[in-house]
Amino acid sequence: PLGFAVGNALEVREAIETLRGNGPEDFLELCLTLGSQMLMAGGKAES
């Protein structure tokens, strides 16, 4: 499973914790990787 939480409200809590800087390592890595690609595609970042 991605992160630690499986289940609707539990996953929302984990997303909130991630935005607070306390998210699971694998989930944060995925958000940073996908987010980086989105920022580059949108012309906000060069690398």
ModelCIF file with pLDDT and N, C-alpha, C, O atoms, coordinates in Angstrom:
data_MODEL
#
_entry.id   MODEL 
#
_entity.id                         1 
_entity.type                       polymer 
_entity.pdbx_number_of_molecules   1 
#
_entity_poly.entity_id                      1 
_entity_poly.type                           'polypeptide(L)' 
_entity_poly.nstd_linkage                   no 
_entity_poly.nstd_monomer                   no 
_entity_poly.pdbx_seq_one_letter_code       PLGFAVGNALEVREAIETLRGNGPEDFLELCLTLGSQMLMAGGKAES 
_entity_poly.pdbx_seq_one_letter_code_can   PLGFAVGNALEVREAIETLRGNGPEDFLELCLTLGSQMLMAGGKAES 
_entity_poly.pdbx_strand_id                 A 
#
loop_
_entity_poly_seq.entity_id 
_entity_poly_seq.num 
_entity_poly_seq.mon_id 
_entity_poly_seq.hetero 
1 1  PRO n 
1 2  LEU n 
1 3  GLY n 
1 4  PHE n 
1 5  ALA n 
1 6  VAL n 
1 7  GLY n 
1 8  ASN n 
1 9  ALA n 
1 10 LEU n 
1 11 GLU n 
1 12 VAL n 
1 13 ARG n 
1 14 GLU n 
1 15 ALA n 
1 16 ILE n 
1 17 GLU n 
1 18 THR n 
1 19 LEU n 
1 20 ARG n 
1 21 GLY n 
1 22 ASN n 
1 23 GLY n 
1 24 PRO n 
1 25 GLU n 
1 26 ASP n 
1 27 PHE n 
1 28 LEU n 
1 29 GLU n 
1 30 LEU n 
1 31 CYS n 
1 32 LEU n 
1 33 THR n 
1 34 LEU n 
1 35 GLY n 
1 36 SER n 
1 37 GLN n 
1 38 MET n 
1 39 LEU n 
1 40 MET n 
1 41 ALA n 
1 42 GLY n 
1 43 GLY n 
1 44 LYS n 
1 45 ALA n 
1 46 GLU n 
1 47 SER n 
#
_struct_asym.id          A 
_struct_asym.entity_id   1 
#
loop_
_ma_qa_metric.id 
_ma_qa_metric.mode 
_ma_qa_metric.name 
_ma_qa_metric.software_group_id 
_ma_qa_metric.type 
1 global pLDDT . pLDDT 
2 local  pLDDT . pLDDT 
#
_ma_qa_metric_global.metric_id      1 
_ma_qa_metric_global.metric_value   96.66 
_ma_qa_metric_global.model_id       1 
_ma_qa_metric_global.ordinal_id     1 
#
loop_
_ma_qa_metric_local.label_asym_id 
_ma_qa_metric_local.label_comp_id 
_ma_qa_metric_local.label_seq_id 
_ma_qa_metric_local.metric_id 
_ma_qa_metric_local.metric_value 
_ma_qa_metric_local.model_id 
_ma_qa_metric_local.ordinal_id 
A PRO 1  2 95.00 1 1  
A LEU 2  2 96.00 1 2  
A GLY 3  2 97.00 1 3  
A PHE 4  2 98.00 1 4  
A ALA 5  2 97.00 1 5  
A VAL 6  2 96.00 1 6  
A GLY 7  2 95.00 1 7  
A ASN 8  2 94.00 1 8  
A ALA 9  2 97.00 1 9  
A LEU 10 2 97.00 1 10 
A GLU 11 2 97.00 1 11 
A VAL 12 2 97.00 1 12 
A ARG 13 2 98.00 1 13 
A GLU 14 2 98.00 1 14 
A ALA 15 2 98.00 1 15 
A ILE 16 2 98.00 1 16 
A GLU 17 2 98.00 1 17 
A THR 18 2 98.00 1 18 
A LEU 19 2 98.00 1 19 
A ARG 20 2 97.00 1 20 
A GLY 21 2 96.00 1 21 
A ASN 22 2 96.00 1 22 
A GLY 23 2 95.00 1 23 
A PRO 24 2 97.00 1 24 
A GLU 25 2 96.00 1 25 
A ASP 26 2 96.00 1 26 
A PHE 27 2 97.00 1 27 
A LEU 28 2 98.00 1 28 
A GLU 29 2 98.00 1 29 
A LEU 30 2 98.00 1 30 
A CYS 31 2 98.00 1 31 
A LEU 32 2 98.00 1 32 
A THR 33 2 98.00 1 33 
A LEU 34 2 98.00 1 34 
A GLY 35 2 98.00 1 35 
A SER 36 2 98.00 1 36 
A GLN 37 2 97.00 1 37 
A MET 38 2 96.00 1 38 
A LEU 39 2 97.00 1 39 
A MET 40 2 96.00 1 40 
A ALA 41 2 94.00 1 41 
A GLY 42 2 93.00 1 42 
A GLY 43 2 93.00 1 43 
A LYS 44 2 95.00 1 44 
A ALA 45 2 96.00 1 45 
A GLU 46 2 95.00 1 46 
A SER 47 2 97.00 1 47 
#
loop_
_atom_site.group_PDB 
_atom_site.id 
_atom_site.type_symbol 
_atom_site.label_atom_id 
_atom_site.label_alt_id 
_atom_site.label_comp_id 
_atom_site.label_asym_id 
_atom_site.label_entity_id 
_atom_site.label_seq_id 
_atom_site.pdbx_PDB_ins_code 
_atom_site.Cartn_x 
_atom_site.Cartn_y 
_atom_site.Cartn_z 
_atom_site.occupancy 
_atom_site.B_iso_or_equiv 
_atom_site.pdbx_formal_charge 
_atom_site.auth_seq_id 
_atom_site.auth_comp_id 
_atom_site.auth_asym_id 
_atom_site.auth_atom_id 
_atom_site.pdbx_PDB_model_num 
ATOM 1   N N  . PRO A 1 1  ? 0.818   -1.218 0.000   1.00 95.00 ? 1  PRO A N  1 
ATOM 2   C CA . PRO A 1 1  ? 0.000   0.000  0.000   1.00 95.00 ? 1  PRO A CA 1 
ATOM 3   C C  . PRO A 1 1  ? 0.853   1.270  0.000   1.00 95.00 ? 1  PRO A C  1 
ATOM 4   O O  . PRO A 1 1  ? 1.954   1.297  0.550   1.00 95.00 ? 1  PRO A O  1 
ATOM 5   N N  . LEU A 1 2  ? 0.324   2.310  -0.624  1.00 96.00 ? 2  LEU A N  1 
ATOM 6   C CA . LEU A 1 2  ? 1.001   3.603  -0.665  1.00 96.00 ? 2  LEU A CA 1 
ATOM 7   C C  . LEU A 1 2  ? 0.794   4.315  0.670   1.00 96.00 ? 2  LEU A C  1 
ATOM 8   O O  . LEU A 1 2  ? -0.342  4.511  1.102   1.00 96.00 ? 2  LEU A O  1 
ATOM 9   N N  . GLY A 1 3  ? 1.891   4.703  1.321   1.00 97.00 ? 3  GLY A N  1 
ATOM 10  C CA . GLY A 1 3  ? 1.779   5.304  2.642   1.00 97.00 ? 3  GLY A CA 1 
ATOM 11  C C  . GLY A 1 3  ? 1.406   4.254  3.677   1.00 97.00 ? 3  GLY A C  1 
ATOM 12  O O  . GLY A 1 3  ? 1.738   3.078  3.527   1.00 97.00 ? 3  GLY A O  1 
ATOM 13  N N  . PHE A 1 4  ? 0.712   4.686  4.733   1.00 98.00 ? 4  PHE A N  1 
ATOM 14  C CA . PHE A 1 4  ? 0.284   3.771  5.805   1.00 98.00 ? 4  PHE A CA 1 
ATOM 15  C C  . PHE A 1 4  ? -1.233  3.585  5.843   1.00 98.00 ? 4  PHE A C  1 
ATOM 16  O O  . PHE A 1 4  ? -1.716  2.533  6.260   1.00 98.00 ? 4  PHE A O  1 
ATOM 17  N N  . ALA A 1 5  ? -1.984  4.594  5.413   1.00 97.00 ? 5  ALA A N  1 
ATOM 18  C CA . ALA A 1 5  ? -3.436  4.592  5.567   1.00 97.00 ? 5  ALA A CA 1 
ATOM 19  C C  . ALA A 1 5  ? -4.155  4.006  4.355   1.00 97.00 ? 5  ALA A C  1 
ATOM 20  O O  . ALA A 1 5  ? -3.824  4.329  3.215   1.00 97.00 ? 5  ALA A O  1 
ATOM 21  N N  . VAL A 1 6  ? -5.137  3.147  4.605   1.00 96.00 ? 6  VAL A N  1 
ATOM 22  C CA . VAL A 1 6  ? -6.005  2.589  3.573   1.00 96.00 ? 6  VAL A CA 1 
ATOM 23  C C  . VAL A 1 6  ? -7.446  2.748  4.065   1.00 96.00 ? 6  VAL A C  1 
ATOM 24  O O  . VAL A 1 6  ? -7.829  2.152  5.072   1.00 96.00 ? 6  VAL A O  1 
ATOM 25  N N  . GLY A 1 7  ? -8.237  3.543  3.363   1.00 95.00 ? 7  GLY A N  1 
ATOM 26  C CA . GLY A 1 7  ? -9.596  3.848  3.824   1.00 95.00 ? 7  GLY A CA 1 
ATOM 27  C C  . GLY A 1 7  ? -9.821  5.338  3.693   1.00 95.00 ? 7  GLY A C  1 
ATOM 28  O O  . GLY A 1 7  ? -8.871  6.105  3.851   1.00 95.00 ? 7  GLY A O  1 
ATOM 29  N N  . ASN A 1 8  ? -10.998 5.771  3.420   1.00 94.00 ? 8  ASN A N  1 
ATOM 30  C CA . ASN A 1 8  ? -11.268 7.117  2.936   1.00 94.00 ? 8  ASN A CA 1 
ATOM 31  C C  . ASN A 1 8  ? -10.836 8.243  3.877   1.00 94.00 ? 8  ASN A C  1 
ATOM 32  O O  . ASN A 1 8  ? -9.925  8.999  3.540   1.00 94.00 ? 8  ASN A O  1 
ATOM 33  N N  . ALA A 1 9  ? -11.465 8.374  5.044   1.00 97.00 ? 9  ALA A N  1 
ATOM 34  C CA . ALA A 1 9  ? -11.109 9.452  5.970   1.00 97.00 ? 9  ALA A CA 1 
ATOM 35  C C  . ALA A 1 9  ? -9.683  9.280  6.502   1.00 97.00 ? 9  ALA A C  1 
ATOM 36  O O  . ALA A 1 9  ? -8.990  10.265 6.758   1.00 97.00 ? 9  ALA A O  1 
ATOM 37  N N  . LEU A 1 10 ? -9.247  8.028  6.666   1.00 97.00 ? 10 LEU A N  1 
ATOM 38  C CA . LEU A 1 10 ? -7.881  7.754  7.122   1.00 97.00 ? 10 LEU A CA 1 
ATOM 39  C C  . LEU A 1 10 ? -6.859  8.265  6.105   1.00 97.00 ? 10 LEU A C  1 
ATOM 40  O O  . LEU A 1 10 ? -5.813  8.795  6.478   1.00 97.00 ? 10 LEU A O  1 
ATOM 41  N N  . GLU A 1 11 ? -7.171  8.101  4.823   1.00 97.00 ? 11 GLU A N  1 
ATOM 42  C CA . GLU A 1 11 ? -6.272  8.589  3.774   1.00 97.00 ? 11 GLU A CA 1 
ATOM 43  C C  . GLU A 1 11 ? -6.265  10.112 3.712   1.00 97.00 ? 11 GLU A C  1 
ATOM 44  O O  . GLU A 1 11 ? -5.234  10.723 3.431   1.00 97.00 ? 11 GLU A O  1 
ATOM 45  N N  . VAL A 1 12 ? -7.410  10.717 3.974   1.00 97.00 ? 12 VAL A N  1 
ATOM 46  C CA . VAL A 1 12 ? -7.475  12.185 4.028   1.00 97.00 ? 12 VAL A CA 1 
ATOM 47  C C  . VAL A 1 12 ? -6.566  12.698 5.145   1.00 97.00 ? 12 VAL A C  1 
ATOM 48  O O  . VAL A 1 12 ? -5.817  13.657 4.956   1.00 97.00 ? 12 VAL A O  1 
ATOM 49  N N  . ARG A 1 13 ? -6.638  12.053 6.304   1.00 98.00 ? 13 ARG A N  1 
ATOM 50  C CA . ARG A 1 13 ? -5.764  12.421 7.438   1.00 98.00 ? 13 ARG A CA 1 
ATOM 51  C C  . ARG A 1 13 ? -4.287  12.333 7.042   1.00 98.00 ? 13 ARG A C  1 
ATOM 52  O O  . ARG A 1 13 ? -3.491  13.210 7.379   1.00 98.00 ? 13 ARG A O  1 
ATOM 53  N N  . GLU A 1 14 ? -3.937  11.274 6.332   1.00 98.00 ? 14 GLU A N  1 
ATOM 54  C CA . GLU A 1 14 ? -2.537  11.084 5.941   1.00 98.00 ? 14 GLU A CA 1 
ATOM 55  C C  . GLU A 1 14 ? -2.105  12.158 4.943   1.00 98.00 ? 14 GLU A C  1 
ATOM 56  O O  . GLU A 1 14 ? -0.973  12.639 5.001   1.00 98.00 ? 14 GLU A O  1 
ATOM 57  N N  . ALA A 1 15 ? -2.990  12.530 4.041   1.00 98.00 ? 15 ALA A N  1 
ATOM 58  C CA . ALA A 1 15 ? -2.686  13.611 3.088   1.00 98.00 ? 15 ALA A CA 1 
ATOM 59  C C  . ALA A 1 15 ? -2.456  14.917 3.841   1.00 98.00 ? 15 ALA A C  1 
ATOM 60  O O  . ALA A 1 15 ? -1.543  15.674 3.511   1.00 98.00 ? 15 ALA A O  1 
ATOM 61  N N  . ILE A 1 16 ? -3.288  15.182 4.857   1.00 98.00 ? 16 ILE A N  1 
ATOM 62  C CA . ILE A 1 16 ? -3.132  16.389 5.679   1.00 98.00 ? 16 ILE A CA 1 
ATOM 63  C C  . ILE A 1 16 ? -1.781  16.360 6.402   1.00 98.00 ? 16 ILE A C  1 
ATOM 64  O O  . ILE A 1 16 ? -1.064  17.360 6.423   1.00 98.00 ? 16 ILE A O  1 
ATOM 65  N N  . GLU A 1 17 ? -1.438  15.210 6.992   1.00 98.00 ? 17 GLU A N  1 
ATOM 66  C CA . GLU A 1 17 ? -0.146  15.078 7.688   1.00 98.00 ? 17 GLU A CA 1 
ATOM 67  C C  . GLU A 1 17 ? 1.019   15.317 6.728   1.00 98.00 ? 17 GLU A C  1 
ATOM 68  O O  . GLU A 1 17 ? 2.036   15.898 7.109   1.00 98.00 ? 17 GLU A O  1 
ATOM 69  N N  . THR A 1 18 ? 0.866   14.870 5.495   1.00 98.00 ? 18 THR A N  1 
ATOM 70  C CA . THR A 1 18 ? 1.912   15.068 4.483   1.00 98.00 ? 18 THR A CA 1 
ATOM 71  C C  . THR A 1 18 ? 2.083   16.551 4.179   1.00 98.00 ? 18 THR A C  1 
ATOM 72  O O  . THR A 1 18 ? 3.207   17.034 4.042   1.00 98.00 ? 18 THR A O  1 
ATOM 73  N N  . LEU A 1 19 ? 0.975   17.271 4.074   1.00 98.00 ? 19 LEU A N  1 
ATOM 74  C CA . LEU A 1 19 ? 1.036   18.717 3.828   1.00 98.00 ? 19 LEU A CA 1 
ATOM 75  C C  . LEU A 1 19 ? 1.563   19.470 5.048   1.00 98.00 ? 19 LEU A C  1 
ATOM 76  O O  . LEU A 1 19 ? 2.004   20.613 4.930   1.00 98.00 ? 19 LEU A O  1 
ATOM 77  N N  . ARG A 1 20 ? 1.520   18.837 6.209   1.00 97.00 ? 20 ARG A N  1 
ATOM 78  C CA . ARG A 1 20 ? 2.125   19.417 7.417   1.00 97.00 ? 20 ARG A CA 1 
ATOM 79  C C  . ARG A 1 20 ? 3.606   19.081 7.529   1.00 97.00 ? 20 ARG A C  1 
ATOM 80  O O  . ARG A 1 20 ? 4.284   19.551 8.443   1.00 97.00 ? 20 ARG A O  1 
ATOM 81  N N  . GLY A 1 21 ? 4.108   18.273 6.608   1.00 96.00 ? 21 GLY A N  1 
ATOM 82  C CA . GLY A 1 21 ? 5.519   17.901 6.632   1.00 96.00 ? 21 GLY A CA 1 
ATOM 83  C C  . GLY A 1 21 ? 5.811   16.616 7.368   1.00 96.00 ? 21 GLY A C  1 
ATOM 84  O O  . GLY A 1 21 ? 6.971   16.307 7.642   1.00 96.00 ? 21 GLY A O  1 
ATOM 85  N N  . ASN A 1 22 ? 4.747   15.840 7.701   1.00 96.00 ? 22 ASN A N  1 
ATOM 86  C CA . ASN A 1 22 ? 4.932   14.608 8.481   1.00 96.00 ? 22 ASN A CA 1 
ATOM 87  C C  . ASN A 1 22 ? 4.438   13.370 7.743   1.00 96.00 ? 22 ASN A C  1 
ATOM 88  O O  . ASN A 1 22 ? 4.032   12.392 8.371   1.00 96.00 ? 22 ASN A O  1 
ATOM 89  N N  . GLY A 1 23 ? 4.471   13.408 6.417   1.00 95.00 ? 23 GLY A N  1 
ATOM 90  C CA . GLY A 1 23 ? 3.908   12.307 5.640   1.00 95.00 ? 23 GLY A CA 1 
ATOM 91  C C  . GLY A 1 23 ? 4.852   11.118 5.507   1.00 95.00 ? 23 GLY A C  1 
ATOM 92  O O  . GLY A 1 23 ? 6.051   11.246 5.752   1.00 95.00 ? 23 GLY A O  1 
ATOM 93  N N  . PRO A 1 24 ? 4.319   9.967  5.121   1.00 97.00 ? 24 PRO A N  1 
ATOM 94  C CA . PRO A 1 24 ? 5.163   8.785  4.886   1.00 97.00 ? 24 PRO A CA 1 
ATOM 95  C C  . PRO A 1 24 ? 6.163   9.036  3.760   1.00 97.00 ? 24 PRO A C  1 
ATOM 96  O O  . PRO A 1 24 ? 5.886   9.785  2.823   1.00 97.00 ? 24 PRO A O  1 
ATOM 97  N N  . GLU A 1 25 ? 7.301   8.411  3.862   1.00 96.00 ? 25 GLU A N  1 
ATOM 98  C CA . GLU A 1 25 ? 8.405   8.624  2.928   1.00 96.00 ? 25 GLU A CA 1 
ATOM 99  C C  . GLU A 1 25 ? 8.013   8.316  1.480   1.00 96.00 ? 25 GLU A C  1 
ATOM 100 O O  . GLU A 1 25 ? 8.292   9.109  0.580   1.00 96.00 ? 25 GLU A O  1 
ATOM 101 N N  . ASP A 1 26 ? 7.358   7.152  1.250   1.00 96.00 ? 26 ASP A N  1 
ATOM 102 C CA . ASP A 1 26 ? 7.027   6.771  -0.133  1.00 96.00 ? 26 ASP A CA 1 
ATOM 103 C C  . ASP A 1 26 ? 5.971   7.703  -0.726  1.00 96.00 ? 26 ASP A C  1 
ATOM 104 O O  . ASP A 1 26 ? 6.050   8.064  -1.900  1.00 96.00 ? 26 ASP A O  1 
ATOM 105 N N  . PHE A 1 27 ? 4.989   8.090  0.077   1.00 97.00 ? 27 PHE A N  1 
ATOM 106 C CA . PHE A 1 27 ? 3.930   8.970  -0.407  1.00 97.00 ? 27 PHE A CA 1 
ATOM 107 C C  . PHE A 1 27 ? 4.477   10.352 -0.749  1.00 97.00 ? 27 PHE A C  1 
ATOM 108 O O  . PHE A 1 27 ? 4.112   10.935 -1.770  1.00 97.00 ? 27 PHE A O  1 
ATOM 109 N N  . LEU A 1 28 ? 5.349   10.870 0.104   1.00 98.00 ? 28 LEU A N  1 
ATOM 110 C CA . LEU A 1 28 ? 5.965   12.171 -0.168  1.00 98.00 ? 28 LEU A CA 1 
ATOM 111 C C  . LEU A 1 28 ? 6.803   12.109 -1.440  1.00 98.00 ? 28 LEU A C  1 
ATOM 112 O O  . LEU A 1 28 ? 6.758   13.027 -2.259  1.00 98.00 ? 28 LEU A O  1 
ATOM 113 N N  . GLU A 1 29 ? 7.571   11.024 -1.611  1.00 98.00 ? 29 GLU A N  1 
ATOM 114 C CA . GLU A 1 29 ? 8.406   10.868 -2.807  1.00 98.00 ? 29 GLU A CA 1 
ATOM 115 C C  . GLU A 1 29 ? 7.546   10.900 -4.078  1.00 98.00 ? 29 GLU A C  1 
ATOM 116 O O  . GLU A 1 29 ? 7.911   11.534 -5.068  1.00 98.00 ? 29 GLU A O  1 
ATOM 117 N N  . LEU A 1 30 ? 6.403   10.210 -4.035  1.00 98.00 ? 30 LEU A N  1 
ATOM 118 C CA . LEU A 1 30 ? 5.527   10.186 -5.199  1.00 98.00 ? 30 LEU A CA 1 
ATOM 119 C C  . LEU A 1 30 ? 4.967   11.578 -5.492  1.00 98.00 ? 30 LEU A C  1 
ATOM 120 O O  . LEU A 1 30 ? 4.957   12.013 -6.644  1.00 98.00 ? 30 LEU A O  1 
ATOM 121 N N  . CYS A 1 31 ? 4.502   12.278 -4.454  1.00 98.00 ? 31 CYS A N  1 
ATOM 122 C CA . CYS A 1 31 ? 3.959   13.624 -4.634  1.00 98.00 ? 31 CYS A CA 1 
ATOM 123 C C  . CYS A 1 31 ? 5.012   14.578 -5.197  1.00 98.00 ? 31 CYS A C  1 
ATOM 124 O O  . CYS A 1 31 ? 4.713   15.392 -6.071  1.00 98.00 ? 31 CYS A O  1 
ATOM 125 N N  . LEU A 1 32 ? 6.235   14.477 -4.698  1.00 98.00 ? 32 LEU A N  1 
ATOM 126 C CA . LEU A 1 32 ? 7.310   15.346 -5.181  1.00 98.00 ? 32 LEU A CA 1 
ATOM 127 C C  . LEU A 1 32 ? 7.677   15.014 -6.628  1.00 98.00 ? 32 LEU A C  1 
ATOM 128 O O  . LEU A 1 32 ? 7.933   15.918 -7.423  1.00 98.00 ? 32 LEU A O  1 
ATOM 129 N N  . THR A 1 33 ? 7.704   13.725 -6.975  1.00 98.00 ? 33 THR A N  1 
ATOM 130 C CA . THR A 1 33 ? 8.058   13.317 -8.346  1.00 98.00 ? 33 THR A CA 1 
ATOM 131 C C  . THR A 1 33 ? 6.989   13.761 -9.340  1.00 98.00 ? 33 THR A C  1 
ATOM 132 O O  . THR A 1 33 ? 7.303   14.377 -10.358 1.00 98.00 ? 33 THR A O  1 
ATOM 133 N N  . LEU A 1 34 ? 5.721   13.448 -9.044  1.00 98.00 ? 34 LEU A N  1 
ATOM 134 C CA . LEU A 1 34 ? 4.629   13.831 -9.944  1.00 98.00 ? 34 LEU A CA 1 
ATOM 135 C C  . LEU A 1 34 ? 4.490   15.357 -9.997  1.00 98.00 ? 34 LEU A C  1 
ATOM 136 O O  . LEU A 1 34 ? 4.298   15.943 -11.062 1.00 98.00 ? 34 LEU A O  1 
ATOM 137 N N  . GLY A 1 35 ? 4.593   15.985 -8.813  1.00 98.00 ? 35 GLY A N  1 
ATOM 138 C CA . GLY A 1 35 ? 4.476   17.445 -8.746  1.00 98.00 ? 35 GLY A CA 1 
ATOM 139 C C  . GLY A 1 35 ? 5.564   18.143 -9.550  1.00 98.00 ? 35 GLY A C  1 
ATOM 140 O O  . GLY A 1 35 ? 5.308   19.149 -10.211 1.00 98.00 ? 35 GLY A O  1 
ATOM 141 N N  . SER A 1 36 ? 6.785   17.603 -9.490  1.00 98.00 ? 36 SER A N  1 
ATOM 142 C CA . SER A 1 36 ? 7.894   18.190 -10.263 1.00 98.00 ? 36 SER A CA 1 
ATOM 143 C C  . SER A 1 36 ? 7.609   18.138 -11.758 1.00 98.00 ? 36 SER A C  1 
ATOM 144 O O  . SER A 1 36 ? 7.854   19.102 -12.484 1.00 98.00 ? 36 SER A O  1 
ATOM 145 N N  . GLN A 1 37 ? 7.089   16.999 -12.206 1.00 97.00 ? 37 GLN A N  1 
ATOM 146 C CA . GLN A 1 37 ? 6.752   16.851 -13.625 1.00 97.00 ? 37 GLN A CA 1 
ATOM 147 C C  . GLN A 1 37 ? 5.629   17.815 -14.019 1.00 97.00 ? 37 GLN A C  1 
ATOM 148 O O  . GLN A 1 37 ? 5.633   18.352 -15.127 1.00 97.00 ? 37 GLN A O  1 
ATOM 149 N N  . MET A 1 38 ? 4.669   18.035 -13.114 1.00 96.00 ? 38 MET A N  1 
ATOM 150 C CA . MET A 1 38 ? 3.563   18.963 -13.387 1.00 96.00 ? 38 MET A CA 1 
ATOM 151 C C  . MET A 1 38 ? 4.065   20.402 -13.467 1.00 96.00 ? 38 MET A C  1 
ATOM 152 O O  . MET A 1 38 ? 3.632   21.161 -14.334 1.00 96.00 ? 38 MET A O  1 
ATOM 153 N N  . LEU A 1 39 ? 4.970   20.779 -12.575 1.00 97.00 ? 39 LEU A N  1 
ATOM 154 C CA . LEU A 1 39 ? 5.519   22.140 -12.590 1.00 97.00 ? 39 LEU A CA 1 
ATOM 155 C C  . LEU A 1 39 ? 6.349   22.387 -13.845 1.00 97.00 ? 39 LEU A C  1 
ATOM 156 O O  . LEU A 1 39 ? 6.298   23.470 -14.428 1.00 97.00 ? 39 LEU A O  1 
ATOM 157 N N  . MET A 1 40 ? 7.108   21.383 -14.256 1.00 96.00 ? 40 MET A N  1 
ATOM 158 C CA . MET A 1 40 ? 7.896   21.542 -15.485 1.00 96.00 ? 40 MET A CA 1 
ATOM 159 C C  . MET A 1 40 ? 6.991   21.619 -16.716 1.00 96.00 ? 40 MET A C  1 
ATOM 160 O O  . MET A 1 40 ? 7.219   22.430 -17.613 1.00 96.00 ? 40 MET A O  1 
ATOM 161 N N  . ALA A 1 41 ? 5.964   20.768 -16.749 1.00 94.00 ? 41 ALA A N  1 
ATOM 162 C CA . ALA A 1 41 ? 5.016   20.783 -17.873 1.00 94.00 ? 41 ALA A CA 1 
ATOM 163 C C  . ALA A 1 41 ? 4.272   22.116 -17.953 1.00 94.00 ? 41 ALA A C  1 
ATOM 164 O O  . ALA A 1 41 ? 3.910   22.577 -19.036 1.00 94.00 ? 41 ALA A O  1 
ATOM 165 N N  . GLY A 1 42 ? 4.049   22.728 -16.783 1.00 93.00 ? 42 GLY A N  1 
ATOM 166 C CA . GLY A 1 42 ? 3.338   24.007 -16.735 1.00 93.00 ? 42 GLY A CA 1 
ATOM 167 C C  . GLY A 1 42 ? 4.236   25.225 -16.890 1.00 93.00 ? 42 GLY A C  1 
ATOM 168 O O  . GLY A 1 42 ? 3.771   26.364 -16.833 1.00 93.00 ? 42 GLY A O  1 
ATOM 169 N N  . GLY A 1 43 ? 5.553   24.971 -17.091 1.00 93.00 ? 43 GLY A N  1 
ATOM 170 C CA . GLY A 1 43 ? 6.485   26.068 -17.324 1.00 93.00 ? 43 GLY A CA 1 
ATOM 171 C C  . GLY A 1 43 ? 6.890   26.839 -16.079 1.00 93.00 ? 43 GLY A C  1 
ATOM 172 O O  . GLY A 1 43 ? 7.412   27.949 -16.184 1.00 93.00 ? 43 GLY A O  1 
ATOM 173 N N  . LYS A 1 44 ? 6.653   26.254 -14.874 1.00 95.00 ? 44 LYS A N  1 
ATOM 174 C CA . LYS A 1 44 ? 7.009   26.927 -13.622 1.00 95.00 ? 44 LYS A CA 1 
ATOM 175 C C  . LYS A 1 44 ? 8.425   26.615 -13.164 1.00 95.00 ? 44 LYS A C  1 
ATOM 176 O O  . LYS A 1 44 ? 8.988   27.333 -12.338 1.00 95.00 ? 44 LYS A O  1 
ATOM 177 N N  . ALA A 1 45 ? 8.993   25.555 -13.695 1.00 96.00 ? 45 ALA A N  1 
ATOM 178 C CA . ALA A 1 45 ? 10.347  25.163 -13.290 1.00 96.00 ? 45 ALA A CA 1 
ATOM 179 C C  . ALA A 1 45 ? 11.093  24.601 -14.493 1.00 96.00 ? 45 ALA A C  1 
ATOM 180 O O  . ALA A 1 45 ? 10.497  23.993 -15.383 1.00 96.00 ? 45 ALA A O  1 
ATOM 181 N N  . GLU A 1 46 ? 12.406  24.813 -14.505 1.00 95.00 ? 46 GLU A N  1 
ATOM 182 C CA . GLU A 1 46 ? 13.245  24.331 -15.609 1.00 95.00 ? 46 GLU A CA 1 
ATOM 183 C C  . GLU A 1 46 ? 13.735  22.905 -15.376 1.00 95.00 ? 46 GLU A C  1 
ATOM 184 O O  . GLU A 1 46 ? 13.977  22.162 -16.327 1.00 95.00 ? 46 GLU A O  1 
ATOM 185 N N  . SER A 1 47 ? 13.879  22.531 -14.115 1.00 97.00 ? 47 SER A N  1 
ATOM 186 C CA . SER A 1 47 ? 14.425  21.208 -13.800 1.00 97.00 ? 47 SER A CA 1 
ATOM 187 C C  . SER A 1 47 ? 13.625  20.569 -12.671 1.00 97.00 ? 47 SER A C  1 
ATOM 188 O O  . SER A 1 47 ? 13.928  19.450 -12.258 1.00 97.00 ? 47 SER A O  1 
#
